[in-house]
């Protein structure tokens, strides 16, 4: 799989010879040869942060993947973190919102929390000098889980999420967030 603006991607997770493991926290950084950022990540986000569906390298670019097969899976519940972890998350979200031009009253710890924390990690990596990209893989025609059959449904879901989070239509991360819509019916 390649995207026009990323070029060929060398996937480092999940891999068959690694039991299709998905990574989070310092382990995801190590898979991407970014272990030098582990201490900074612990300052930015508490343990048990996002678990990435896939991780890849496209030349010097880092590719983080979040994949979904149905819209209700995308509309994630509120953050369930402990009080101390929630304070760290809220502080980091405030930094990200400020950088993206999001008004402070938008609460990123409630609805669409998973989407928000993926965006936050993209911002953190780019803020740390990493050429990171976030790829949303939204499957079409995943009938066994009642997934949508048209990309307009996915696009509407992202529009609703952006409105809920207060994300402007064009923000500093827009060029680094990508969407693809593989059709499961064509993969079978």
N, C-alpha and C. Protein backbone atom coordinates (compact mmCIF):
# COMPACT_ATOMS: atom_id res chain seq x y z
N UNK A 1 0.86 -1.18 0.00
CA UNK A 1 0.00 0.00 0.00
C UNK A 1 0.90 1.23 0.00
N UNK A 2 0.61 2.16 -0.84
CA UNK A 2 1.36 3.41 -0.90
C UNK A 2 0.39 4.56 -1.13
N UNK A 3 0.72 5.69 -0.57
CA UNK A 3 -0.05 6.90 -0.81
C UNK A 3 0.78 7.82 -1.68
N UNK A 4 0.15 8.57 -2.56
CA UNK A 4 0.92 9.41 -3.49
C UNK A 4 1.90 10.35 -2.80
N UNK A 5 1.53 10.91 -1.68
CA UNK A 5 2.42 11.87 -1.04
C UNK A 5 3.35 11.23 0.00
N UNK A 6 3.27 9.94 0.20
CA UNK A 6 4.17 9.27 1.14
C UNK A 6 5.15 8.33 0.44
N UNK A 7 4.78 7.81 -0.71
CA UNK A 7 5.62 6.84 -1.39
C UNK A 7 5.43 5.46 -0.78
N UNK A 8 6.27 4.50 -1.18
CA UNK A 8 6.14 3.14 -0.65
C UNK A 8 6.38 3.11 0.86
N UNK A 9 5.60 2.27 1.53
CA UNK A 9 5.70 2.17 2.99
C UNK A 9 6.29 0.82 3.37
N UNK A 10 7.31 0.84 4.21
CA UNK A 10 7.88 -0.38 4.78
C UNK A 10 7.22 -0.59 6.14
N UNK A 11 6.35 -1.58 6.23
CA UNK A 11 5.59 -1.81 7.47
C UNK A 11 6.47 -2.50 8.51
N UNK A 12 6.47 -1.96 9.72
CA UNK A 12 7.24 -2.56 10.82
C UNK A 12 6.32 -3.17 11.88
N UNK A 13 5.03 -2.98 11.71
CA UNK A 13 4.03 -3.58 12.60
C UNK A 13 2.67 -3.39 11.95
N UNK A 14 1.79 -4.37 12.04
CA UNK A 14 1.99 -5.71 12.57
C UNK A 14 2.65 -6.61 11.51
N UNK A 15 3.46 -7.54 11.97
CA UNK A 15 4.16 -8.46 11.08
C UNK A 15 3.87 -9.90 11.47
N UNK A 16 3.79 -10.75 10.48
CA UNK A 16 3.54 -12.18 10.72
C UNK A 16 4.61 -12.76 11.65
N UNK A 17 5.89 -12.44 11.39
CA UNK A 17 6.97 -13.01 12.19
C UNK A 17 7.07 -12.40 13.58
N UNK A 18 6.16 -11.49 13.90
CA UNK A 18 6.09 -10.87 15.23
C UNK A 18 4.70 -11.09 15.83
N UNK A 19 4.04 -12.17 15.40
CA UNK A 19 2.71 -12.54 15.89
C UNK A 19 1.69 -11.41 15.70
N UNK A 20 1.89 -10.60 14.67
CA UNK A 20 0.98 -9.49 14.34
C UNK A 20 0.77 -8.54 15.52
N UNK A 21 1.84 -8.33 16.30
CA UNK A 21 1.77 -7.46 17.48
C UNK A 21 1.51 -6.01 17.08
N UNK A 22 0.75 -5.33 17.93
CA UNK A 22 0.52 -3.89 17.81
C UNK A 22 1.19 -3.23 19.00
N UNK A 23 1.75 -2.03 18.79
CA UNK A 23 2.60 -1.42 19.81
C UNK A 23 2.06 -0.10 20.32
N UNK A 24 2.47 0.22 21.55
CA UNK A 24 2.11 1.48 22.20
C UNK A 24 3.30 1.93 23.06
N UNK A 25 3.18 3.13 23.60
CA UNK A 25 4.19 3.70 24.51
C UNK A 25 5.59 3.62 23.91
N UNK A 26 6.59 3.37 24.72
CA UNK A 26 7.97 3.31 24.23
C UNK A 26 8.19 2.25 23.18
N UNK A 27 7.42 1.17 23.22
CA UNK A 27 7.59 0.09 22.25
C UNK A 27 7.29 0.57 20.83
N UNK A 28 6.28 1.43 20.66
CA UNK A 28 5.99 1.92 19.31
C UNK A 28 7.13 2.81 18.81
N UNK A 29 7.72 3.57 19.72
CA UNK A 29 8.86 4.41 19.33
C UNK A 29 10.05 3.55 18.92
N UNK A 30 10.32 2.49 19.66
CA UNK A 30 11.44 1.60 19.32
C UNK A 30 11.23 0.95 17.96
N UNK A 31 10.00 0.54 17.63
CA UNK A 31 9.72 -0.07 16.32
C UNK A 31 10.03 0.90 15.19
N UNK A 32 9.90 2.19 15.47
CA UNK A 32 10.12 3.22 14.45
C UNK A 32 11.50 3.87 14.54
N UNK A 33 12.39 3.26 15.32
CA UNK A 33 13.75 3.78 15.52
C UNK A 33 13.75 5.18 16.13
N UNK A 34 12.81 5.41 17.04
CA UNK A 34 12.69 6.71 17.72
C UNK A 34 12.87 6.58 19.23
N UNK A 35 13.65 5.61 19.66
CA UNK A 35 13.79 5.38 21.11
C UNK A 35 14.32 6.59 21.84
N UNK A 36 15.01 7.48 21.15
CA UNK A 36 15.53 8.70 21.77
C UNK A 36 14.43 9.61 22.29
N UNK A 37 13.17 9.34 21.91
CA UNK A 37 12.04 10.16 22.37
C UNK A 37 11.27 9.55 23.54
N UNK A 38 11.70 8.40 24.04
CA UNK A 38 10.93 7.72 25.08
C UNK A 38 10.72 8.56 26.34
N UNK A 39 11.75 9.24 26.82
CA UNK A 39 11.58 10.06 28.03
C UNK A 39 10.60 11.21 27.79
N UNK A 40 10.70 11.83 26.62
CA UNK A 40 9.79 12.93 26.30
C UNK A 40 8.34 12.45 26.19
N UNK A 41 8.16 11.22 25.67
CA UNK A 41 6.80 10.67 25.58
C UNK A 41 6.19 10.49 26.97
N UNK A 42 6.97 10.03 27.93
CA UNK A 42 6.43 9.84 29.28
C UNK A 42 6.06 11.17 29.93
N UNK A 43 6.70 12.26 29.49
CA UNK A 43 6.31 13.58 29.99
C UNK A 43 5.03 14.07 29.31
N UNK A 44 4.84 13.67 28.06
CA UNK A 44 3.69 14.13 27.28
C UNK A 44 2.42 13.32 27.57
N UNK A 45 2.58 11.99 27.78
CA UNK A 45 1.41 11.12 27.87
C UNK A 45 1.63 10.03 28.91
N UNK A 46 0.60 9.65 29.66
CA UNK A 46 0.77 8.57 30.64
C UNK A 46 0.90 7.20 29.96
N UNK A 47 1.30 6.21 30.73
CA UNK A 47 1.39 4.83 30.24
C UNK A 47 0.05 4.37 29.69
N UNK A 48 0.10 3.40 28.81
CA UNK A 48 -1.07 2.80 28.16
C UNK A 48 -1.72 3.79 27.20
N UNK A 49 -0.87 4.49 26.47
CA UNK A 49 -1.33 5.42 25.45
C UNK A 49 -1.86 4.68 24.23
N UNK A 50 -2.03 5.37 23.12
CA UNK A 50 -2.60 4.74 21.93
C UNK A 50 -1.84 3.48 21.51
N UNK A 51 -2.60 2.47 21.15
CA UNK A 51 -2.04 1.26 20.57
C UNK A 51 -2.29 1.35 19.07
N UNK A 52 -1.21 1.37 18.30
CA UNK A 52 -1.30 1.64 16.87
C UNK A 52 -1.63 0.38 16.09
N UNK A 53 -2.59 0.48 15.17
CA UNK A 53 -2.99 -0.66 14.35
C UNK A 53 -1.88 -1.08 13.40
N UNK A 54 -1.08 -0.13 12.97
CA UNK A 54 0.07 -0.42 12.12
C UNK A 54 1.06 0.73 12.24
N UNK A 55 2.32 0.42 11.97
CA UNK A 55 3.40 1.40 11.99
C UNK A 55 4.25 1.17 10.76
N UNK A 56 4.67 2.25 10.12
CA UNK A 56 5.48 2.09 8.93
C UNK A 56 6.47 3.21 8.75
N UNK A 57 7.41 2.95 7.85
CA UNK A 57 8.42 3.92 7.46
C UNK A 57 8.30 4.13 5.96
N UNK A 58 8.19 5.39 5.56
CA UNK A 58 8.15 5.75 4.14
C UNK A 58 9.33 6.67 3.90
N UNK A 59 10.48 6.07 3.64
CA UNK A 59 11.71 6.86 3.56
C UNK A 59 12.00 7.42 4.94
N UNK A 60 12.10 8.74 5.05
CA UNK A 60 12.34 9.39 6.35
C UNK A 60 11.05 9.70 7.10
N UNK A 61 9.92 9.37 6.52
CA UNK A 61 8.63 9.66 7.14
C UNK A 61 8.16 8.50 8.01
N UNK A 62 7.53 8.85 9.12
CA UNK A 62 6.91 7.88 10.02
C UNK A 62 5.43 7.83 9.70
N UNK A 63 4.87 6.61 9.64
CA UNK A 63 3.45 6.45 9.34
C UNK A 63 2.78 5.72 10.51
N UNK A 64 1.83 6.40 11.15
CA UNK A 64 1.03 5.84 12.23
C UNK A 64 -0.34 5.51 11.64
N UNK A 65 -0.86 4.32 11.95
CA UNK A 65 -2.13 3.91 11.34
C UNK A 65 -3.18 3.62 12.40
N UNK A 66 -4.36 4.17 12.14
CA UNK A 66 -5.57 3.87 12.91
C UNK A 66 -6.57 3.32 11.92
N UNK A 67 -7.06 2.11 12.14
CA UNK A 67 -7.98 1.47 11.20
C UNK A 67 -9.32 1.18 11.87
N UNK A 68 -10.38 1.35 11.10
CA UNK A 68 -11.73 1.10 11.59
C UNK A 68 -12.55 0.41 10.50
N UNK A 69 -13.49 -0.43 10.92
CA UNK A 69 -14.37 -1.10 9.98
C UNK A 69 -15.81 -0.63 10.09
N UNK A 70 -16.14 0.08 11.19
CA UNK A 70 -17.52 0.54 11.36
C UNK A 70 -17.52 1.84 12.15
N UNK A 71 -18.50 2.68 11.89
CA UNK A 71 -18.55 4.02 12.47
C UNK A 71 -18.70 4.00 14.00
N UNK A 72 -19.55 3.15 14.60
CA UNK A 72 -19.65 3.18 16.06
C UNK A 72 -18.31 2.93 16.77
N UNK A 73 -17.43 2.20 16.14
CA UNK A 73 -16.09 1.97 16.68
C UNK A 73 -15.29 3.27 16.71
N UNK A 74 -15.55 4.16 15.76
CA UNK A 74 -14.87 5.45 15.67
C UNK A 74 -15.36 6.42 16.74
N UNK A 75 -16.64 6.35 17.07
CA UNK A 75 -17.22 7.25 18.08
C UNK A 75 -16.89 6.65 19.45
N UNK A 76 -15.64 6.82 19.85
CA UNK A 76 -15.16 6.15 21.05
C UNK A 76 -15.69 6.82 22.32
N UNK A 77 -15.70 6.06 23.42
CA UNK A 77 -16.17 6.61 24.69
C UNK A 77 -15.15 7.57 25.30
N UNK A 78 -15.55 8.17 26.38
CA UNK A 78 -14.70 9.14 27.09
C UNK A 78 -13.47 8.46 27.67
N UNK A 79 -12.48 9.25 27.95
CA UNK A 79 -11.24 8.80 28.58
C UNK A 79 -11.56 8.19 29.94
N UNK A 80 -10.94 7.06 30.24
CA UNK A 80 -11.17 6.36 31.51
C UNK A 80 -9.94 6.44 32.43
N UNK A 81 -9.06 7.39 32.20
CA UNK A 81 -7.80 7.48 32.94
C UNK A 81 -8.01 7.86 34.40
N UNK A 82 -7.02 7.51 35.21
CA UNK A 82 -7.02 7.91 36.61
C UNK A 82 -6.88 9.43 36.70
N UNK A 83 -7.08 9.97 37.88
CA UNK A 83 -7.04 11.42 38.05
C UNK A 83 -5.69 12.01 37.65
N UNK A 84 -4.59 11.36 38.07
CA UNK A 84 -3.26 11.90 37.73
C UNK A 84 -2.98 11.77 36.23
N UNK A 85 -3.38 10.66 35.64
CA UNK A 85 -3.18 10.49 34.19
C UNK A 85 -4.06 11.45 33.42
N UNK A 86 -5.28 11.66 33.88
CA UNK A 86 -6.18 12.59 33.20
C UNK A 86 -5.63 14.01 33.21
N UNK A 87 -4.97 14.39 34.30
CA UNK A 87 -4.36 15.72 34.37
C UNK A 87 -3.27 15.86 33.31
N UNK A 88 -2.44 14.82 33.14
CA UNK A 88 -1.38 14.86 32.13
C UNK A 88 -1.99 14.90 30.72
N UNK A 89 -3.02 14.11 30.49
CA UNK A 89 -3.69 14.08 29.19
C UNK A 89 -4.31 15.43 28.87
N UNK A 90 -5.01 16.00 29.83
CA UNK A 90 -5.66 17.30 29.63
C UNK A 90 -4.63 18.39 29.34
N UNK A 91 -3.54 18.37 30.07
CA UNK A 91 -2.47 19.35 29.85
C UNK A 91 -1.90 19.22 28.44
N UNK A 92 -1.69 17.99 28.00
CA UNK A 92 -1.17 17.77 26.65
C UNK A 92 -2.19 18.17 25.60
N UNK A 93 -3.45 17.80 25.82
CA UNK A 93 -4.50 18.22 24.89
C UNK A 93 -4.55 19.74 24.78
N UNK A 94 -4.40 20.44 25.89
CA UNK A 94 -4.43 21.91 25.86
C UNK A 94 -3.31 22.46 24.97
N UNK A 95 -2.12 21.87 25.06
CA UNK A 95 -1.00 22.29 24.21
C UNK A 95 -1.33 22.07 22.74
N UNK A 96 -1.88 20.90 22.44
CA UNK A 96 -2.21 20.56 21.05
C UNK A 96 -3.31 21.48 20.53
N UNK A 97 -4.36 21.65 21.32
CA UNK A 97 -5.47 22.51 20.89
C UNK A 97 -4.97 23.92 20.61
N UNK A 98 -4.11 24.44 21.47
CA UNK A 98 -3.56 25.78 21.28
C UNK A 98 -2.79 25.85 19.96
N UNK A 99 -1.98 24.83 19.68
CA UNK A 99 -1.18 24.81 18.45
C UNK A 99 -2.04 24.68 17.20
N UNK A 100 -3.20 24.05 17.32
CA UNK A 100 -4.07 23.83 16.17
C UNK A 100 -5.15 24.89 16.00
N UNK A 101 -5.21 25.82 16.92
CA UNK A 101 -6.22 26.87 16.84
C UNK A 101 -7.59 26.45 17.31
N UNK A 102 -7.63 25.48 18.22
CA UNK A 102 -8.89 24.99 18.79
C UNK A 102 -9.18 25.78 20.06
N UNK A 103 -10.38 26.28 20.19
CA UNK A 103 -10.76 27.03 21.39
C UNK A 103 -10.69 26.12 22.62
N UNK A 104 -10.28 26.68 23.73
CA UNK A 104 -9.99 25.89 24.93
C UNK A 104 -11.21 25.18 25.52
N UNK A 105 -12.43 25.65 25.27
CA UNK A 105 -13.60 25.04 25.89
C UNK A 105 -13.97 23.68 25.27
N UNK A 106 -13.37 23.32 24.13
CA UNK A 106 -13.66 22.00 23.55
C UNK A 106 -12.95 20.93 24.36
N UNK A 107 -13.71 19.96 24.84
CA UNK A 107 -13.18 18.90 25.71
C UNK A 107 -12.84 17.67 24.88
N UNK A 108 -11.57 17.39 24.75
CA UNK A 108 -11.11 16.26 23.96
C UNK A 108 -11.09 14.95 24.74
N UNK A 109 -11.46 14.98 26.00
CA UNK A 109 -11.45 13.74 26.80
C UNK A 109 -12.78 13.01 26.77
N UNK A 110 -13.75 13.57 26.10
CA UNK A 110 -15.08 12.96 26.08
C UNK A 110 -15.29 12.19 24.76
N UNK A 111 -16.31 12.52 24.03
CA UNK A 111 -16.60 11.82 22.76
C UNK A 111 -15.43 12.02 21.78
N UNK A 112 -15.13 10.98 21.02
CA UNK A 112 -14.04 10.95 20.04
C UNK A 112 -12.67 11.03 20.71
N UNK A 113 -12.58 10.55 21.93
CA UNK A 113 -11.31 10.59 22.65
C UNK A 113 -10.19 9.87 21.90
N UNK A 114 -10.50 8.71 21.32
CA UNK A 114 -9.46 7.95 20.62
C UNK A 114 -8.93 8.74 19.41
N UNK A 115 -9.81 9.33 18.66
CA UNK A 115 -9.41 10.18 17.53
C UNK A 115 -8.55 11.34 18.02
N UNK A 116 -8.96 11.97 19.09
CA UNK A 116 -8.22 13.10 19.65
C UNK A 116 -6.83 12.69 20.11
N UNK A 117 -6.71 11.53 20.75
CA UNK A 117 -5.37 11.17 21.24
C UNK A 117 -4.45 10.77 20.10
N UNK A 118 -5.00 10.28 18.99
CA UNK A 118 -4.17 9.99 17.82
C UNK A 118 -3.65 11.30 17.23
N UNK A 119 -4.51 12.29 17.14
CA UNK A 119 -4.10 13.60 16.63
C UNK A 119 -3.03 14.20 17.56
N UNK A 120 -3.23 14.07 18.85
CA UNK A 120 -2.26 14.60 19.82
C UNK A 120 -0.89 13.96 19.64
N UNK A 121 -0.86 12.67 19.41
CA UNK A 121 0.43 12.00 19.22
C UNK A 121 1.09 12.41 17.90
N UNK A 122 0.29 12.62 16.87
CA UNK A 122 0.85 13.14 15.63
C UNK A 122 1.48 14.51 15.88
N UNK A 123 0.76 15.38 16.57
CA UNK A 123 1.30 16.71 16.88
C UNK A 123 2.59 16.59 17.68
N UNK A 124 2.59 15.74 18.71
CA UNK A 124 3.76 15.60 19.57
C UNK A 124 4.99 15.15 18.76
N UNK A 125 4.80 14.16 17.89
CA UNK A 125 5.92 13.69 17.07
C UNK A 125 6.43 14.81 16.16
N UNK A 126 5.54 15.50 15.50
CA UNK A 126 5.96 16.57 14.59
C UNK A 126 6.60 17.71 15.39
N UNK A 127 6.05 18.03 16.55
CA UNK A 127 6.63 19.05 17.44
C UNK A 127 8.03 18.63 17.90
N UNK A 128 8.27 17.33 17.96
CA UNK A 128 9.58 16.80 18.37
C UNK A 128 10.55 16.68 17.19
N UNK A 129 10.14 17.14 16.02
CA UNK A 129 11.03 17.15 14.87
C UNK A 129 10.95 15.92 13.99
N UNK A 130 9.94 15.08 14.19
CA UNK A 130 9.77 13.87 13.40
C UNK A 130 8.79 14.15 12.27
N UNK A 131 9.12 13.71 11.06
CA UNK A 131 8.23 13.87 9.91
C UNK A 131 7.19 12.74 9.98
N UNK A 132 6.21 12.92 10.84
CA UNK A 132 5.19 11.90 11.09
C UNK A 132 3.92 12.20 10.31
N UNK A 133 3.23 11.12 9.94
CA UNK A 133 1.96 11.19 9.23
C UNK A 133 1.00 10.22 9.89
N UNK A 134 -0.27 10.59 9.92
CA UNK A 134 -1.32 9.76 10.50
C UNK A 134 -2.24 9.30 9.38
N UNK A 135 -2.32 7.99 9.23
CA UNK A 135 -3.12 7.39 8.17
C UNK A 135 -4.33 6.71 8.77
N UNK A 136 -5.50 7.17 8.40
CA UNK A 136 -6.75 6.55 8.82
C UNK A 136 -7.19 5.60 7.72
N UNK A 137 -7.30 4.32 8.07
CA UNK A 137 -7.75 3.30 7.13
C UNK A 137 -9.18 2.96 7.53
N UNK A 138 -10.13 3.38 6.72
CA UNK A 138 -11.55 3.20 7.02
C UNK A 138 -12.14 2.26 5.98
N UNK A 139 -12.43 1.03 6.41
CA UNK A 139 -12.87 -0.01 5.49
C UNK A 139 -14.32 0.20 5.04
N UNK A 140 -14.56 -0.14 3.79
CA UNK A 140 -15.90 -0.14 3.22
C UNK A 140 -16.36 -1.58 3.06
N UNK A 141 -17.66 -1.78 3.18
CA UNK A 141 -18.29 -3.09 2.94
C UNK A 141 -17.80 -4.20 3.86
N UNK A 142 -17.49 -3.86 5.10
CA UNK A 142 -17.17 -4.89 6.10
C UNK A 142 -18.50 -5.38 6.65
N UNK A 143 -19.17 -6.20 5.86
CA UNK A 143 -20.55 -6.60 6.15
C UNK A 143 -20.69 -7.39 7.44
N UNK A 144 -19.66 -8.17 7.81
CA UNK A 144 -19.76 -8.98 9.04
C UNK A 144 -19.84 -8.13 10.30
N UNK A 145 -19.46 -6.84 10.20
CA UNK A 145 -19.58 -5.94 11.36
C UNK A 145 -20.49 -4.76 11.04
N UNK A 146 -21.27 -4.89 9.97
CA UNK A 146 -22.21 -3.85 9.55
C UNK A 146 -21.51 -2.52 9.27
N UNK A 147 -20.38 -2.59 8.59
CA UNK A 147 -19.63 -1.39 8.23
C UNK A 147 -20.27 -0.66 7.06
N UNK A 148 -19.95 0.61 6.90
CA UNK A 148 -20.56 1.39 5.83
C UNK A 148 -20.11 0.92 4.45
N UNK A 149 -20.95 1.16 3.46
CA UNK A 149 -20.63 0.75 2.10
C UNK A 149 -20.16 1.92 1.23
N UNK A 150 -20.22 3.14 1.77
CA UNK A 150 -19.82 4.29 0.98
C UNK A 150 -18.90 5.20 1.77
N UNK A 151 -17.99 5.84 1.08
CA UNK A 151 -17.02 6.68 1.77
C UNK A 151 -17.65 7.95 2.32
N UNK A 152 -18.80 8.36 1.80
CA UNK A 152 -19.48 9.54 2.35
C UNK A 152 -19.85 9.34 3.81
N UNK A 153 -20.19 8.11 4.19
CA UNK A 153 -20.51 7.84 5.59
C UNK A 153 -19.30 8.09 6.47
N UNK A 154 -18.13 7.61 6.02
CA UNK A 154 -16.90 7.85 6.78
C UNK A 154 -16.58 9.35 6.81
N UNK A 155 -16.69 10.00 5.69
CA UNK A 155 -16.38 11.43 5.64
C UNK A 155 -17.29 12.22 6.56
N UNK A 156 -18.57 11.85 6.63
CA UNK A 156 -19.50 12.51 7.55
C UNK A 156 -19.12 12.26 9.00
N UNK A 157 -18.67 11.06 9.30
CA UNK A 157 -18.24 10.75 10.67
C UNK A 157 -17.05 11.61 11.08
N UNK A 158 -16.09 11.78 10.19
CA UNK A 158 -14.93 12.62 10.50
C UNK A 158 -15.32 14.09 10.61
N UNK A 159 -16.24 14.53 9.77
CA UNK A 159 -16.72 15.91 9.87
C UNK A 159 -17.37 16.15 11.23
N UNK A 160 -18.20 15.20 11.67
CA UNK A 160 -18.85 15.31 12.98
C UNK A 160 -17.81 15.34 14.09
N UNK A 161 -16.80 14.49 14.00
CA UNK A 161 -15.76 14.45 15.02
C UNK A 161 -14.99 15.77 15.05
N UNK A 162 -14.64 16.29 13.89
CA UNK A 162 -13.91 17.56 13.84
C UNK A 162 -14.72 18.68 14.46
N UNK A 163 -16.03 18.70 14.19
CA UNK A 163 -16.90 19.71 14.79
C UNK A 163 -16.96 19.55 16.30
N UNK A 164 -17.11 18.32 16.78
CA UNK A 164 -17.18 18.04 18.22
C UNK A 164 -15.89 18.46 18.93
N UNK A 165 -14.75 18.27 18.25
CA UNK A 165 -13.45 18.61 18.84
C UNK A 165 -13.05 20.06 18.59
N UNK A 166 -13.82 20.77 17.76
CA UNK A 166 -13.51 22.16 17.48
C UNK A 166 -12.36 22.35 16.51
N UNK A 167 -12.03 21.31 15.76
CA UNK A 167 -10.92 21.42 14.80
C UNK A 167 -11.32 22.29 13.63
N UNK A 168 -10.51 23.29 13.31
CA UNK A 168 -10.82 24.09 12.13
C UNK A 168 -10.69 23.25 10.87
N UNK A 169 -11.35 23.67 9.79
CA UNK A 169 -11.32 22.91 8.54
C UNK A 169 -9.93 22.69 8.01
N UNK A 170 -9.07 23.65 8.20
CA UNK A 170 -7.68 23.53 7.77
C UNK A 170 -6.82 23.96 8.95
N UNK A 171 -6.07 23.02 9.49
CA UNK A 171 -5.23 23.31 10.66
C UNK A 171 -3.81 22.86 10.37
N UNK A 172 -2.86 23.16 11.23
CA UNK A 172 -1.46 22.84 10.95
C UNK A 172 -1.14 21.36 10.73
N UNK A 173 -2.02 20.45 11.14
CA UNK A 173 -1.77 19.02 10.92
C UNK A 173 -2.51 18.46 9.70
N UNK A 174 -3.36 19.26 9.09
CA UNK A 174 -4.20 18.77 7.99
C UNK A 174 -3.40 18.04 6.90
N UNK A 175 -2.27 18.59 6.53
CA UNK A 175 -1.47 18.00 5.45
C UNK A 175 -0.82 16.68 5.84
N UNK A 176 -0.85 16.34 7.13
CA UNK A 176 -0.18 15.14 7.62
C UNK A 176 -1.17 14.07 8.08
N UNK A 177 -2.45 14.32 7.85
CA UNK A 177 -3.51 13.36 8.18
C UNK A 177 -4.13 12.88 6.88
N UNK A 178 -4.08 11.57 6.67
CA UNK A 178 -4.50 10.98 5.40
C UNK A 178 -5.60 9.95 5.64
N UNK A 179 -6.46 9.79 4.65
CA UNK A 179 -7.55 8.81 4.73
C UNK A 179 -7.52 7.94 3.49
N UNK A 180 -7.67 6.65 3.70
CA UNK A 180 -7.90 5.74 2.59
C UNK A 180 -9.09 4.86 2.96
N UNK A 181 -9.78 4.36 1.93
CA UNK A 181 -11.02 3.62 2.14
C UNK A 181 -10.99 2.29 1.36
N UNK A 182 -10.23 1.31 1.85
CA UNK A 182 -10.19 0.02 1.14
C UNK A 182 -11.55 -0.66 1.19
N UNK A 183 -11.94 -1.24 0.06
CA UNK A 183 -13.21 -1.95 -0.06
C UNK A 183 -12.96 -3.42 0.26
N UNK A 184 -13.52 -3.91 1.37
CA UNK A 184 -13.34 -5.30 1.79
C UNK A 184 -13.82 -6.26 0.71
N UNK A 185 -14.88 -5.89 0.00
CA UNK A 185 -15.42 -6.76 -1.04
C UNK A 185 -14.38 -7.01 -2.14
N UNK A 186 -13.52 -6.04 -2.39
CA UNK A 186 -12.48 -6.20 -3.41
C UNK A 186 -11.27 -6.97 -2.88
N UNK A 187 -11.14 -7.04 -1.55
CA UNK A 187 -10.01 -7.75 -0.95
C UNK A 187 -10.26 -9.24 -0.81
N UNK A 188 -11.52 -9.64 -0.90
CA UNK A 188 -11.88 -11.05 -0.65
C UNK A 188 -11.58 -11.93 -1.83
